[in-house]
Amino acid sequence: MAEETSLGPISYLIVEFPGNKMTGEGLEALVDLSDKGLIRILDLVFVKRELNGKVEAIEITDLDHDGELDLVVFDGVSSGLLDESDLADAESAIEPGSSAGILIFENTWAVPFTKAMRSSGAELVAAGYIPQDALLASLDASD
């Protein structure tokens, strides 16, 4: 019997850029996380939401439309997990007149932990994130 492939938890993030102002800050950190093996980028799509509400994909290599390849390092990053229905679902998260990056990634740092848990018979039954603003508000309320 072939050994089961162990994966870390798969997560997604939608990061909004109000007013379509993408500066590229943070992308170096994303590449660094991937290079260090902490995450594996499965899908990365940039979208914009028109003022009429329609969401459409933006070519990942030329975000500022100057004709130069801005993000060639991410060109071709696609596992096929994101599809048109996911873009439609993102509409509610993105304000009209804004852009967003939608990222699906594997938390590879957790592979040894998940492998150990599975070998002991445990199963992950829930996962989630606490938004930073909610966490900070809760911490402020407890002071």
C-alpha atoms as a PDB file:
ATOM      1  CA  MET A   1       0.000   0.000   0.000  1.00  0.00           C
ATOM      2  CA  ALA A   2       1.364   3.411  -0.951  1.00  0.00           C
ATOM      3  CA  GLU A   3       2.089   5.802   1.889  1.00  0.00           C
ATOM      4  CA  GLU A   4      -0.561   8.516   2.254  1.00  0.00           C
ATOM      5  CA  THR A   5       0.581  11.943   1.145  1.00  0.00           C
ATOM      6  CA  SER A   6       0.575  14.286   4.110  1.00  0.00           C
ATOM      7  CA  LEU A   7      -0.604  17.822   3.611  1.00  0.00           C
ATOM      8  CA  GLY A   8      -0.676  20.750   5.936  1.00  0.00           C
ATOM      9  CA  PRO A   9      -3.918  22.660   6.432  1.00  0.00           C
ATOM     10  CA  ILE A  10      -5.062  24.498   3.321  1.00  0.00           C
ATOM     11  CA  SER A  11      -5.996  28.148   3.872  1.00  0.00           C
ATOM     12  CA  TYR A  12      -7.232  31.050   1.828  1.00  0.00           C
ATOM     13  CA  LEU A  13      -6.941  34.799   2.171  1.00  0.00           C
ATOM     14  CA  ILE A  14      -8.605  37.638   0.329  1.00  0.00           C
ATOM     15  CA  VAL A  15      -6.645  40.875   0.659  1.00  0.00           C
ATOM     16  CA  GLU A  16      -8.442  43.995  -0.554  1.00  0.00           C
ATOM     17  CA  PHE A  17      -6.714  47.007  -2.070  1.00  0.00           C
ATOM     18  CA  PRO A  18      -9.154  49.923  -1.668  1.00  0.00           C
ATOM     19  CA  GLY A  19      -9.328  52.155  -4.710  1.00  0.00           C
ATOM     20  CA  ASN A  20      -7.302  49.630  -6.752  1.00  0.00           C
ATOM     21  CA  LYS A  21      -4.082  50.875  -5.116  1.00  0.00           C
ATOM     22  CA  MET A  22      -1.736  47.893  -5.281  1.00  0.00           C
ATOM     23  CA  THR A  23       1.772  48.793  -4.199  1.00  0.00           C
ATOM     24  CA  GLY A  24       3.352  45.347  -4.240  1.00  0.00           C
ATOM     25  CA  GLU A  25       4.272  45.613  -0.570  1.00  0.00           C
ATOM     26  CA  GLY A  26       3.966  42.237   1.055  1.00  0.00           C
ATOM     27  CA  LEU A  27       4.748  40.238  -2.062  1.00  0.00           C
ATOM     28  CA  GLU A  28       8.409  39.893  -1.102  1.00  0.00           C
ATOM     29  CA  ALA A  29       7.301  38.491   2.256  1.00  0.00           C
ATOM     30  CA  LEU A  30       4.990  36.030   0.472  1.00  0.00           C
ATOM     31  CA  VAL A  31       7.859  34.819  -1.724  1.00  0.00           C
ATOM     32  CA  ASP A  32      10.065  34.541   1.380  1.00  0.00           C
ATOM     33  CA  LEU A  33       7.470  32.395   3.199  1.00  0.00           C
ATOM     34  CA  SER A  34       7.316  30.115   0.185  1.00  0.00           C
ATOM     35  CA  ASP A  35      11.109  29.990  -0.267  1.00  0.00           C
ATOM     36  CA  LYS A  36      11.535  29.041   3.404  1.00  0.00           C
ATOM     37  CA  GLY A  37       9.059  26.180   2.972  1.00  0.00           C
ATOM     38  CA  LEU A  38       6.579  27.583   5.485  1.00  0.00           C
ATOM     39  CA  ILE A  39       3.794  27.735   2.898  1.00  0.00           C
ATOM     40  CA  ARG A  40       3.166  26.366  -0.565  1.00  0.00           C
ATOM     41  CA  ILE A  41       1.226  28.707  -2.828  1.00  0.00           C
ATOM     42  CA  LEU A  42      -1.480  26.740  -4.605  1.00  0.00           C
ATOM     43  CA  ASP A  43      -3.377  29.566  -6.281  1.00  0.00           C
ATOM     44  CA  LEU A  44      -2.920  33.303  -6.511  1.00  0.00           C
ATOM     45  CA  VAL A  45      -5.403  35.393  -8.452  1.00  0.00           C
ATOM     46  CA  PHE A  46      -5.791  39.140  -8.567  1.00  0.00           C
ATOM     47  CA  VAL A  47      -9.228  40.552  -9.259  1.00  0.00           C
ATOM     48  CA  LYS A  48     -10.895  43.906  -9.457  1.00  0.00           C
ATOM     49  CA  ARG A  49     -14.478  44.747  -8.641  1.00  0.00           C
ATOM     50  CA  GLU A  50     -15.960  47.333 -10.947  1.00  0.00           C
ATOM     51  CA  LEU A  51     -18.245  50.042  -9.603  1.00  0.00           C
ATOM     52  CA  ASN A  52     -21.178  48.097 -11.084  1.00  0.00           C
ATOM     53  CA  GLY A  53     -20.206  45.162  -8.827  1.00  0.00           C
ATOM     54  CA  LYS A  54     -18.789  42.822 -11.470  1.00  0.00           C
ATOM     55  CA  VAL A  55     -15.611  40.981 -10.456  1.00  0.00           C
ATOM     56  CA  GLU A  56     -13.035  40.117 -13.100  1.00  0.00           C
ATOM     57  CA  ALA A  57      -9.561  38.617 -12.991  1.00  0.00           C
ATOM     58  CA  ILE A  58      -6.529  40.852 -13.573  1.00  0.00           C
ATOM     59  CA  GLU A  59      -3.503  39.489 -15.413  1.00  0.00           C
ATOM     60  CA  ILE A  60      -1.088  38.645 -12.614  1.00  0.00           C
ATOM     61  CA  THR A  61       2.057  39.731 -14.430  1.00  0.00           C
ATOM     62  CA  ASP A  62       1.061  43.326 -15.177  1.00  0.00           C
ATOM     63  CA  LEU A  63      -1.008  44.677 -12.302  1.00  0.00           C
ATOM     64  CA  ASP A  64      -0.271  48.335 -12.925  1.00  0.00           C
ATOM     65  CA  HIS A  65      -0.909  48.003 -16.693  1.00  0.00           C
ATOM     66  CA  ASP A  66       2.406  49.617 -17.655  1.00  0.00           C
ATOM     67  CA  GLY A  67       3.351  46.783 -20.016  1.00  0.00           C
ATOM     68  CA  GLU A  68       6.095  45.445 -17.708  1.00  0.00           C
ATOM     69  CA  LEU A  69       6.022  42.104 -15.904  1.00  0.00           C
ATOM     70  CA  ASP A  70       5.521  43.052 -12.262  1.00  0.00           C
ATOM     71  CA  LEU A  71       4.973  39.637 -10.725  1.00  0.00           C
ATOM     72  CA  VAL A  72       6.630  37.197 -13.086  1.00  0.00           C
ATOM     73  CA  VAL A  73       7.620  35.070 -10.060  1.00  0.00           C
ATOM     74  CA  PHE A  74       3.917  34.239  -9.583  1.00  0.00           C
ATOM     75  CA  ASP A  75       3.135  33.650 -13.265  1.00  0.00           C
ATOM     76  CA  GLY A  76       1.517  30.253 -13.667  1.00  0.00           C
ATOM     77  CA  VAL A  77       0.786  29.721  -9.958  1.00  0.00           C
ATOM     78  CA  SER A  78      -2.481  27.857 -10.314  1.00  0.00           C
ATOM     79  CA  SER A  79      -3.619  24.520  -8.963  1.00  0.00           C
ATOM     80  CA  GLY A  80      -7.051  24.941 -10.494  1.00  0.00           C
ATOM     81  CA  LEU A  81      -8.732  25.161  -7.086  1.00  0.00           C
ATOM     82  CA  LEU A  82     -10.016  28.678  -7.781  1.00  0.00           C
ATOM     83  CA  ASP A  83     -12.690  28.899 -10.439  1.00  0.00           C
ATOM     84  CA  GLU A  84     -15.304  31.357 -11.699  1.00  0.00           C
ATOM     85  CA  SER A  85     -17.724  30.470  -8.883  1.00  0.00           C
ATOM     86  CA  ASP A  86     -15.051  31.387  -6.311  1.00  0.00           C
ATOM     87  CA  LEU A  87     -14.556  34.745  -8.006  1.00  0.00           C
ATOM     88  CA  ALA A  88     -18.308  35.311  -7.837  1.00  0.00           C
ATOM     89  CA  ASP A  89     -18.270  34.385  -4.129  1.00  0.00           C
ATOM     90  CA  ALA A  90     -15.499  36.942  -3.546  1.00  0.00           C
ATOM     91  CA  GLU A  91     -17.816  39.736  -4.724  1.00  0.00           C
ATOM     92  CA  SER A  92     -19.321  40.097  -1.258  1.00  0.00           C
ATOM     93  CA  ALA A  93     -15.894  40.501   0.334  1.00  0.00           C
ATOM     94  CA  ILE A  94     -14.559  43.151  -2.057  1.00  0.00           C
ATOM     95  CA  GLU A  95     -15.851  46.714  -2.181  1.00  0.00           C
ATOM     96  CA  PRO A  96     -16.828  48.127  -5.595  1.00  0.00           C
ATOM     97  CA  GLY A  97     -13.927  50.109  -7.081  1.00  0.00           C
ATOM     98  CA  SER A  98     -11.331  47.982  -5.281  1.00  0.00           C
ATOM     99  CA  SER A  99      -8.949  45.189  -6.220  1.00  0.00           C
ATOM    100  CA  ALA A 100      -8.011  42.095  -4.262  1.00  0.00           C
ATOM    101  CA  GLY A 101      -5.577  39.230  -4.175  1.00  0.00           C
ATOM    102  CA  ILE A 102      -7.058  35.790  -3.542  1.00  0.00           C
ATOM    103  CA  LEU A 103      -4.496  33.341  -2.208  1.00  0.00           C
ATOM    104  CA  ILE A 104      -4.888  29.623  -1.508  1.00  0.00           C
ATOM    105  CA  PHE A 105      -1.928  28.102   0.270  1.00  0.00           C
ATOM    106  CA  GLU A 106      -0.829  25.015   2.133  1.00  0.00           C
ATOM    107  CA  ASN A 107       0.570  25.541   5.616  1.00  0.00           C
ATOM    108  CA  THR A 108       3.568  23.270   5.020  1.00  0.00           C
ATOM    109  CA  TRP A 109       5.043  24.149   8.413  1.00  0.00           C
ATOM    110  CA  ALA A 110       2.227  22.034   9.919  1.00  0.00           C
ATOM    111  CA  VAL A 111       2.863  18.850   7.887  1.00  0.00           C
ATOM    112  CA  PRO A 112       4.830  17.050  10.655  1.00  0.00           C
ATOM    113  CA  PHE A 113       2.102  17.903  13.166  1.00  0.00           C
ATOM    114  CA  THR A 114      -0.785  16.806  10.929  1.00  0.00           C
ATOM    115  CA  LYS A 115       1.064  13.612   9.971  1.00  0.00           C
ATOM    116  CA  ALA A 116       1.615  12.757  13.659  1.00  0.00           C
ATOM    117  CA  MET A 117      -2.015  13.482  14.498  1.00  0.00           C
ATOM    118  CA  ARG A 118      -3.307  11.348  11.615  1.00  0.00           C
ATOM    119  CA  SER A 119      -1.038   8.450  12.551  1.00  0.00           C
ATOM    120  CA  SER A 120      -2.528   8.542  16.061  1.00  0.00           C
ATOM    121  CA  GLY A 121      -6.048   8.420  14.633  1.00  0.00           C
ATOM    122  CA  ALA A 122      -6.887  12.090  15.195  1.00  0.00           C
ATOM    123  CA  GLU A 123      -8.694  14.149  12.571  1.00  0.00           C
ATOM    124  CA  LEU A 124      -8.898  17.880  12.021  1.00  0.00           C
ATOM    125  CA  VAL A 125     -12.592  18.715  12.381  1.00  0.00           C
ATOM    126  CA  ALA A 126     -12.510  22.524  12.349  1.00  0.00           C
ATOM    127  CA  ALA A 127     -10.137  25.344  11.540  1.00  0.00           C
ATOM    128  CA  GLY A 128     -10.393  29.083  11.184  1.00  0.00           C
ATOM    129  CA  TYR A 129      -8.822  32.451  11.623  1.00  0.00           C
ATOM    130  CA  ILE A 130      -9.622  35.259  14.018  1.00  0.00           C
ATOM    131  CA  PRO A 131      -9.485  38.584  12.160  1.00  0.00           C
ATOM    132  CA  GLN A 132      -6.756  40.819  13.605  1.00  0.00           C
ATOM    133  CA  ASP A 133      -9.150  43.694  14.248  1.00  0.00           C
ATOM    134  CA  ALA A 134     -11.440  41.404  16.280  1.00  0.00           C
ATOM    135  CA  LEU A 135      -8.492  40.071  18.276  1.00  0.00           C
ATOM    136  CA  LEU A 136      -7.150  43.558  19.019  1.00  0.00           C
ATOM    137  CA  ALA A 137     -10.638  44.769  20.033  1.00  0.00           C
ATOM    138  CA  SER A 138     -10.999  41.796  22.379  1.00  0.00           C
ATOM    139  CA  LEU A 139      -7.573  42.431  23.911  1.00  0.00           C
ATOM    140  CA  ASP A 140      -8.375  46.136  24.354  1.00  0.00           C
ATOM    141  CA  ALA A 141     -11.666  45.245  26.051  1.00  0.00           C
ATOM    142  CA  SER A 142      -9.872  42.974  28.522  1.00  0.00           C
ATOM    143  CA  ASP A 143      -7.417  45.679  29.617  1.00  0.00           C
END
